[in-house]
Amino acid sequence: MGVEFKQAIPVFRIFSVEKAREFYLDFLGFTVEWEHRFDPDAPLYMCVTRGALSFHLSEHHGDGTPGSRAYILASGLAEFHRELTGKAYKYNRPSLDRQPWGMLEVTVVDPFNNRITFAEPDGTASA
């Protein structure tokens, strides 16, 4: 049968549910798939998704380190870049960068200093 890997889901530490929602839902266009608290005063742990991409966002101490990074392979990156810049989100104005290793990249930084780079092969890489 063999081993089959399915999906990696980054876990990012957050410190404000309101700022996390503003960034991941309003700016990046994700939706909340589910939320969990052990009780009403407990830290939040939630899953946000957009298409096949998921992030877990956690207020729990020890769940991730601020300043983490995720590198996400994507398609339609120029359109995604236009979508983001069209929102005029005052805390993040990402650029669309063509890298010398043959990738287009858009990097965003969440309010907790986690970096997400969305990348798409641009067809210029040499083997």
N, C-alpha and C. Protein backbone atom coordinates (compact mmCIF):
# COMPACT_ATOMS: atom_id res chain seq x y z
N MET A 1 0.83 -1.20 0.00
CA MET A 1 0.00 0.00 0.00
C MET A 1 0.87 1.26 0.00
N GLY A 2 1.78 1.39 0.93
CA GLY A 2 2.70 2.53 0.93
C GLY A 2 2.17 3.75 1.65
N VAL A 3 3.06 4.64 1.89
CA VAL A 3 2.73 5.88 2.58
C VAL A 3 2.17 6.89 1.58
N GLU A 4 1.15 7.61 2.00
CA GLU A 4 0.59 8.66 1.17
C GLU A 4 0.37 9.89 2.05
N PHE A 5 1.00 10.99 1.69
CA PHE A 5 0.83 12.23 2.42
C PHE A 5 -0.28 13.03 1.76
N LYS A 6 -1.12 13.66 2.57
CA LYS A 6 -2.29 14.35 2.05
C LYS A 6 -2.14 15.86 2.00
N GLN A 7 -1.92 16.49 3.14
CA GLN A 7 -1.94 17.95 3.18
C GLN A 7 -1.18 18.43 4.40
N ALA A 8 -0.48 19.52 4.27
CA ALA A 8 0.15 20.19 5.41
C ALA A 8 -0.74 21.37 5.79
N ILE A 9 -1.00 21.52 7.08
CA ILE A 9 -1.82 22.64 7.55
C ILE A 9 -0.99 23.44 8.56
N PRO A 10 -0.51 24.61 8.16
CA PRO A 10 0.24 25.44 9.11
C PRO A 10 -0.62 25.86 10.29
N VAL A 11 0.01 25.91 11.47
CA VAL A 11 -0.64 26.42 12.67
C VAL A 11 0.07 27.72 13.03
N PHE A 12 -0.68 28.82 13.01
CA PHE A 12 -0.12 30.13 13.34
C PHE A 12 -0.66 30.61 14.68
N ARG A 13 0.23 31.15 15.49
CA ARG A 13 -0.18 31.73 16.77
C ARG A 13 -0.78 33.11 16.50
N ILE A 14 -1.91 33.39 17.15
CA ILE A 14 -2.56 34.70 17.05
C ILE A 14 -2.75 35.25 18.45
N PHE A 15 -2.88 36.58 18.56
CA PHE A 15 -3.05 37.23 19.86
C PHE A 15 -4.31 38.08 19.91
N SER A 16 -5.03 38.18 18.79
CA SER A 16 -6.26 38.95 18.73
C SER A 16 -7.17 38.30 17.70
N VAL A 17 -8.30 37.82 18.16
CA VAL A 17 -9.26 37.20 17.24
C VAL A 17 -9.75 38.24 16.23
N GLU A 18 -9.98 39.47 16.69
CA GLU A 18 -10.47 40.51 15.79
C GLU A 18 -9.47 40.81 14.68
N LYS A 19 -8.19 40.96 15.02
CA LYS A 19 -7.17 41.24 14.00
C LYS A 19 -7.00 40.04 13.07
N ALA A 20 -7.07 38.82 13.62
CA ALA A 20 -6.97 37.62 12.79
C ALA A 20 -8.11 37.56 11.78
N ARG A 21 -9.33 37.85 12.22
CA ARG A 21 -10.48 37.84 11.31
C ARG A 21 -10.33 38.92 10.23
N GLU A 22 -9.90 40.11 10.63
CA GLU A 22 -9.71 41.19 9.67
C GLU A 22 -8.71 40.79 8.58
N PHE A 23 -7.62 40.14 8.98
CA PHE A 23 -6.58 39.77 8.03
C PHE A 23 -6.97 38.55 7.19
N TYR A 24 -7.30 37.44 7.85
CA TYR A 24 -7.53 36.19 7.13
C TYR A 24 -8.87 36.15 6.40
N LEU A 25 -9.90 36.73 6.98
CA LEU A 25 -11.23 36.69 6.34
C LEU A 25 -11.42 37.87 5.40
N ASP A 26 -11.29 39.08 5.93
CA ASP A 26 -11.57 40.28 5.13
C ASP A 26 -10.51 40.53 4.06
N PHE A 27 -9.23 40.41 4.42
CA PHE A 27 -8.17 40.72 3.46
C PHE A 27 -7.86 39.53 2.54
N LEU A 28 -7.56 38.36 3.10
CA LEU A 28 -7.16 37.22 2.27
C LEU A 28 -8.34 36.45 1.68
N GLY A 29 -9.54 36.67 2.18
CA GLY A 29 -10.71 36.03 1.60
C GLY A 29 -10.98 34.61 2.06
N PHE A 30 -10.44 34.22 3.21
CA PHE A 30 -10.71 32.90 3.77
C PHE A 30 -12.07 32.92 4.47
N THR A 31 -12.59 31.75 4.77
CA THR A 31 -13.79 31.61 5.57
C THR A 31 -13.48 30.72 6.78
N VAL A 32 -14.25 30.89 7.84
CA VAL A 32 -14.07 30.06 9.03
C VAL A 32 -14.73 28.72 8.77
N GLU A 33 -13.94 27.65 8.87
CA GLU A 33 -14.48 26.30 8.72
C GLU A 33 -15.01 25.81 10.06
N TRP A 34 -14.26 26.06 11.13
CA TRP A 34 -14.73 25.71 12.47
C TRP A 34 -13.93 26.48 13.51
N GLU A 35 -14.51 26.57 14.71
CA GLU A 35 -13.87 27.22 15.86
C GLU A 35 -14.04 26.31 17.07
N HIS A 36 -13.06 26.36 17.98
CA HIS A 36 -13.16 25.56 19.20
C HIS A 36 -12.59 26.31 20.39
N ARG A 37 -13.30 26.26 21.50
CA ARG A 37 -12.83 26.73 22.81
C ARG A 37 -13.22 25.65 23.81
N PHE A 38 -12.34 25.37 24.78
CA PHE A 38 -12.68 24.40 25.82
C PHE A 38 -13.78 24.92 26.74
N ASP A 39 -13.84 26.23 26.91
CA ASP A 39 -14.92 26.88 27.65
C ASP A 39 -14.96 28.33 27.17
N PRO A 40 -15.98 29.11 27.54
CA PRO A 40 -16.13 30.47 26.99
C PRO A 40 -14.95 31.40 27.25
N ASP A 41 -14.19 31.16 28.30
CA ASP A 41 -13.04 32.02 28.61
C ASP A 41 -11.71 31.45 28.12
N ALA A 42 -11.74 30.33 27.45
CA ALA A 42 -10.52 29.67 26.97
C ALA A 42 -10.06 30.30 25.66
N PRO A 43 -8.78 30.13 25.33
CA PRO A 43 -8.27 30.63 24.05
C PRO A 43 -8.98 29.96 22.87
N LEU A 44 -9.04 30.68 21.77
CA LEU A 44 -9.68 30.19 20.55
C LEU A 44 -8.69 29.39 19.71
N TYR A 45 -9.17 28.32 19.10
CA TYR A 45 -8.45 27.56 18.08
C TYR A 45 -9.43 27.44 16.92
N MET A 46 -9.04 27.94 15.74
CA MET A 46 -9.97 27.89 14.61
C MET A 46 -9.26 27.52 13.32
N CYS A 47 -10.07 27.03 12.40
CA CYS A 47 -9.59 26.66 11.08
C CYS A 47 -10.21 27.60 10.06
N VAL A 48 -9.36 28.22 9.23
CA VAL A 48 -9.84 29.06 8.14
C VAL A 48 -9.41 28.41 6.83
N THR A 49 -10.27 28.52 5.82
CA THR A 49 -9.99 27.88 4.54
C THR A 49 -10.32 28.81 3.37
N ARG A 50 -9.61 28.56 2.30
CA ARG A 50 -9.93 29.17 1.00
C ARG A 50 -9.56 28.13 -0.03
N GLY A 51 -10.56 27.60 -0.71
CA GLY A 51 -10.32 26.50 -1.63
C GLY A 51 -9.76 25.31 -0.87
N ALA A 52 -8.68 24.73 -1.35
CA ALA A 52 -8.07 23.57 -0.71
C ALA A 52 -7.08 23.95 0.38
N LEU A 53 -6.85 25.25 0.59
CA LEU A 53 -5.86 25.72 1.56
C LEU A 53 -6.50 25.96 2.91
N SER A 54 -5.87 25.45 3.96
CA SER A 54 -6.34 25.65 5.33
C SER A 54 -5.21 26.16 6.20
N PHE A 55 -5.56 27.01 7.15
CA PHE A 55 -4.66 27.42 8.22
C PHE A 55 -5.37 27.18 9.53
N HIS A 56 -4.65 26.75 10.54
CA HIS A 56 -5.17 26.71 11.90
C HIS A 56 -4.60 27.92 12.62
N LEU A 57 -5.46 28.67 13.27
CA LEU A 57 -5.07 29.87 14.00
C LEU A 57 -5.36 29.63 15.47
N SER A 58 -4.37 29.88 16.33
CA SER A 58 -4.51 29.50 17.72
C SER A 58 -4.06 30.60 18.67
N GLU A 59 -4.88 30.84 19.69
CA GLU A 59 -4.51 31.72 20.78
C GLU A 59 -3.79 30.96 21.89
N HIS A 60 -3.69 29.65 21.78
CA HIS A 60 -3.09 28.82 22.83
C HIS A 60 -1.58 29.02 22.92
N HIS A 61 -1.10 29.21 24.13
CA HIS A 61 0.34 29.30 24.38
C HIS A 61 0.99 27.99 23.91
N GLY A 62 2.05 28.10 23.17
CA GLY A 62 2.75 26.91 22.69
C GLY A 62 2.32 26.43 21.32
N ASP A 63 1.25 26.98 20.78
CA ASP A 63 0.81 26.59 19.43
C ASP A 63 1.42 27.55 18.41
N GLY A 64 2.55 27.19 17.89
CA GLY A 64 3.21 28.03 16.91
C GLY A 64 3.99 29.15 17.57
N THR A 65 4.85 29.74 16.79
CA THR A 65 5.71 30.83 17.25
C THR A 65 5.47 32.03 16.35
N PRO A 66 5.21 33.19 16.93
CA PRO A 66 5.07 34.38 16.07
C PRO A 66 6.32 34.52 15.19
N GLY A 67 6.10 34.89 13.95
CA GLY A 67 7.21 34.99 13.02
C GLY A 67 7.42 33.72 12.21
N SER A 68 6.45 32.82 12.22
CA SER A 68 6.55 31.60 11.42
C SER A 68 6.33 31.93 9.95
N ARG A 69 6.59 30.96 9.10
CA ARG A 69 6.47 31.19 7.66
C ARG A 69 5.84 29.98 6.98
N ALA A 70 4.99 30.24 5.99
CA ALA A 70 4.42 29.18 5.15
C ALA A 70 4.67 29.55 3.69
N TYR A 71 5.02 28.57 2.88
CA TYR A 71 5.25 28.75 1.45
C TYR A 71 4.19 27.92 0.73
N ILE A 72 3.30 28.57 0.01
CA ILE A 72 2.12 27.94 -0.57
C ILE A 72 2.21 27.97 -2.10
N LEU A 73 2.18 26.80 -2.74
CA LEU A 73 2.13 26.76 -4.20
C LEU A 73 0.71 27.04 -4.65
N ALA A 74 0.57 27.88 -5.65
CA ALA A 74 -0.75 28.34 -6.09
C ALA A 74 -0.76 28.54 -7.60
N SER A 75 -1.92 28.84 -8.13
CA SER A 75 -2.05 29.26 -9.53
C SER A 75 -2.95 30.49 -9.53
N GLY A 76 -2.88 31.26 -10.62
CA GLY A 76 -3.68 32.48 -10.70
C GLY A 76 -3.16 33.58 -9.79
N LEU A 77 -1.86 33.62 -9.59
CA LEU A 77 -1.27 34.54 -8.62
C LEU A 77 -1.42 36.01 -9.01
N ALA A 78 -1.34 36.34 -10.30
CA ALA A 78 -1.52 37.73 -10.71
C ALA A 78 -2.94 38.21 -10.37
N GLU A 79 -3.93 37.36 -10.57
CA GLU A 79 -5.31 37.70 -10.22
C GLU A 79 -5.46 37.86 -8.70
N PHE A 80 -4.84 36.96 -7.94
CA PHE A 80 -4.88 37.05 -6.48
C PHE A 80 -4.22 38.36 -6.00
N HIS A 81 -3.12 38.72 -6.63
CA HIS A 81 -2.44 39.97 -6.28
C HIS A 81 -3.34 41.18 -6.55
N ARG A 82 -4.01 41.19 -7.70
CA ARG A 82 -4.95 42.28 -8.01
C ARG A 82 -6.09 42.33 -6.99
N GLU A 83 -6.57 41.17 -6.60
CA GLU A 83 -7.63 41.10 -5.58
C GLU A 83 -7.16 41.75 -4.27
N LEU A 84 -5.97 41.37 -3.82
CA LEU A 84 -5.45 41.90 -2.55
C LEU A 84 -5.19 43.39 -2.62
N THR A 85 -4.53 43.86 -3.68
CA THR A 85 -4.21 45.28 -3.76
C THR A 85 -5.47 46.12 -3.97
N GLY A 86 -6.49 45.54 -4.56
CA GLY A 86 -7.76 46.24 -4.75
C GLY A 86 -8.50 46.50 -3.45
N LYS A 87 -8.15 45.78 -2.40
CA LYS A 87 -8.80 45.98 -1.11
C LYS A 87 -8.21 47.14 -0.32
N ALA A 88 -7.05 47.61 -0.72
CA ALA A 88 -6.39 48.74 -0.06
C ALA A 88 -6.32 48.54 1.46
N TYR A 89 -5.93 47.35 1.87
CA TYR A 89 -5.76 47.03 3.29
C TYR A 89 -4.56 47.82 3.80
N LYS A 90 -4.77 48.70 4.75
CA LYS A 90 -3.73 49.67 5.12
C LYS A 90 -2.51 49.05 5.80
N TYR A 91 -2.61 47.81 6.26
CA TYR A 91 -1.48 47.20 6.97
C TYR A 91 -0.63 46.31 6.08
N ASN A 92 -1.01 46.12 4.82
CA ASN A 92 -0.29 45.18 3.97
C ASN A 92 -0.53 45.55 2.52
N ARG A 93 0.49 45.86 1.80
CA ARG A 93 0.41 46.15 0.37
C ARG A 93 1.41 45.25 -0.35
N PRO A 94 1.06 44.00 -0.57
CA PRO A 94 2.03 43.06 -1.13
C PRO A 94 2.36 43.36 -2.59
N SER A 95 3.57 43.00 -2.96
CA SER A 95 3.98 43.13 -4.36
C SER A 95 3.93 41.76 -5.02
N LEU A 96 3.94 41.77 -6.34
CA LEU A 96 4.03 40.55 -7.13
C LEU A 96 5.46 40.51 -7.65
N ASP A 97 6.24 39.57 -7.16
CA ASP A 97 7.67 39.52 -7.45
C ASP A 97 8.02 38.32 -8.32
N ARG A 98 8.82 38.56 -9.34
CA ARG A 98 9.34 37.49 -10.19
C ARG A 98 10.73 37.14 -9.66
N GLN A 99 10.88 35.91 -9.19
CA GLN A 99 12.14 35.47 -8.60
C GLN A 99 13.05 34.86 -9.66
N PRO A 100 14.36 34.97 -9.48
CA PRO A 100 15.29 34.42 -10.47
C PRO A 100 15.24 32.90 -10.58
N TRP A 101 14.63 32.23 -9.61
CA TRP A 101 14.52 30.77 -9.66
C TRP A 101 13.22 30.32 -10.34
N GLY A 102 12.54 31.25 -11.02
CA GLY A 102 11.41 30.89 -11.86
C GLY A 102 10.06 30.86 -11.17
N MET A 103 9.90 31.65 -10.13
CA MET A 103 8.62 31.69 -9.42
C MET A 103 8.11 33.12 -9.34
N LEU A 104 6.78 33.27 -9.49
CA LEU A 104 6.11 34.51 -9.12
C LEU A 104 5.73 34.35 -7.65
N GLU A 105 5.89 35.39 -6.85
CA GLU A 105 5.58 35.30 -5.43
C GLU A 105 4.86 36.54 -4.93
N VAL A 106 3.90 36.30 -4.04
CA VAL A 106 3.22 37.35 -3.30
C VAL A 106 3.38 36.98 -1.83
N THR A 107 4.02 37.86 -1.05
CA THR A 107 4.22 37.59 0.37
C THR A 107 3.40 38.58 1.19
N VAL A 108 2.66 38.04 2.15
CA VAL A 108 1.88 38.85 3.08
C VAL A 108 2.37 38.54 4.49
N VAL A 109 2.19 39.50 5.37
CA VAL A 109 2.57 39.33 6.77
C VAL A 109 1.34 39.60 7.62
N ASP A 110 0.97 38.62 8.45
CA ASP A 110 -0.23 38.81 9.27
C ASP A 110 0.07 39.72 10.46
N PRO A 111 -0.93 40.12 11.23
CA PRO A 111 -0.71 41.04 12.35
C PRO A 111 0.16 40.48 13.47
N PHE A 112 0.53 39.20 13.37
CA PHE A 112 1.32 38.54 14.41
C PHE A 112 2.71 38.18 13.90
N ASN A 113 3.09 38.79 12.77
CA ASN A 113 4.39 38.64 12.12
C ASN A 113 4.61 37.27 11.47
N ASN A 114 3.54 36.55 11.21
CA ASN A 114 3.66 35.31 10.44
C ASN A 114 3.67 35.68 8.96
N ARG A 115 4.58 35.08 8.21
CA ARG A 115 4.72 35.39 6.78
C ARG A 115 4.17 34.24 5.94
N ILE A 116 3.39 34.61 4.93
CA ILE A 116 2.83 33.63 4.01
C ILE A 116 3.26 34.05 2.61
N THR A 117 3.98 33.17 1.93
CA THR A 117 4.37 33.43 0.55
C THR A 117 3.57 32.50 -0.36
N PHE A 118 2.80 33.09 -1.25
CA PHE A 118 2.07 32.37 -2.27
C PHE A 118 2.95 32.38 -3.52
N ALA A 119 3.18 31.21 -4.12
CA ALA A 119 4.13 31.10 -5.23
C ALA A 119 3.55 30.31 -6.39
N GLU A 120 3.93 30.74 -7.60
CA GLU A 120 3.48 30.07 -8.82
C GLU A 120 4.65 30.00 -9.79
N PRO A 121 4.94 28.82 -10.35
CA PRO A 121 5.99 28.75 -11.37
C PRO A 121 5.66 29.67 -12.55
N ASP A 122 6.66 30.43 -12.99
CA ASP A 122 6.40 31.37 -14.10
C ASP A 122 6.91 30.84 -15.44
N GLY A 123 7.44 29.63 -15.45
CA GLY A 123 7.89 29.01 -16.70
C GLY A 123 9.26 29.44 -17.16
N THR A 124 9.99 30.22 -16.35
CA THR A 124 11.31 30.67 -16.78
C THR A 124 12.45 29.91 -16.12
N ALA A 125 12.15 29.00 -15.21
CA ALA A 125 13.21 28.26 -14.51
C ALA A 125 13.92 27.34 -15.48
N SER A 126 15.22 27.25 -15.33
CA SER A 126 15.99 26.32 -16.17
C SER A 126 16.33 25.08 -15.34
N ALA A 127 16.34 23.94 -16.00
CA ALA A 127 16.56 22.68 -15.29
C ALA A 127 18.02 22.48 -14.97
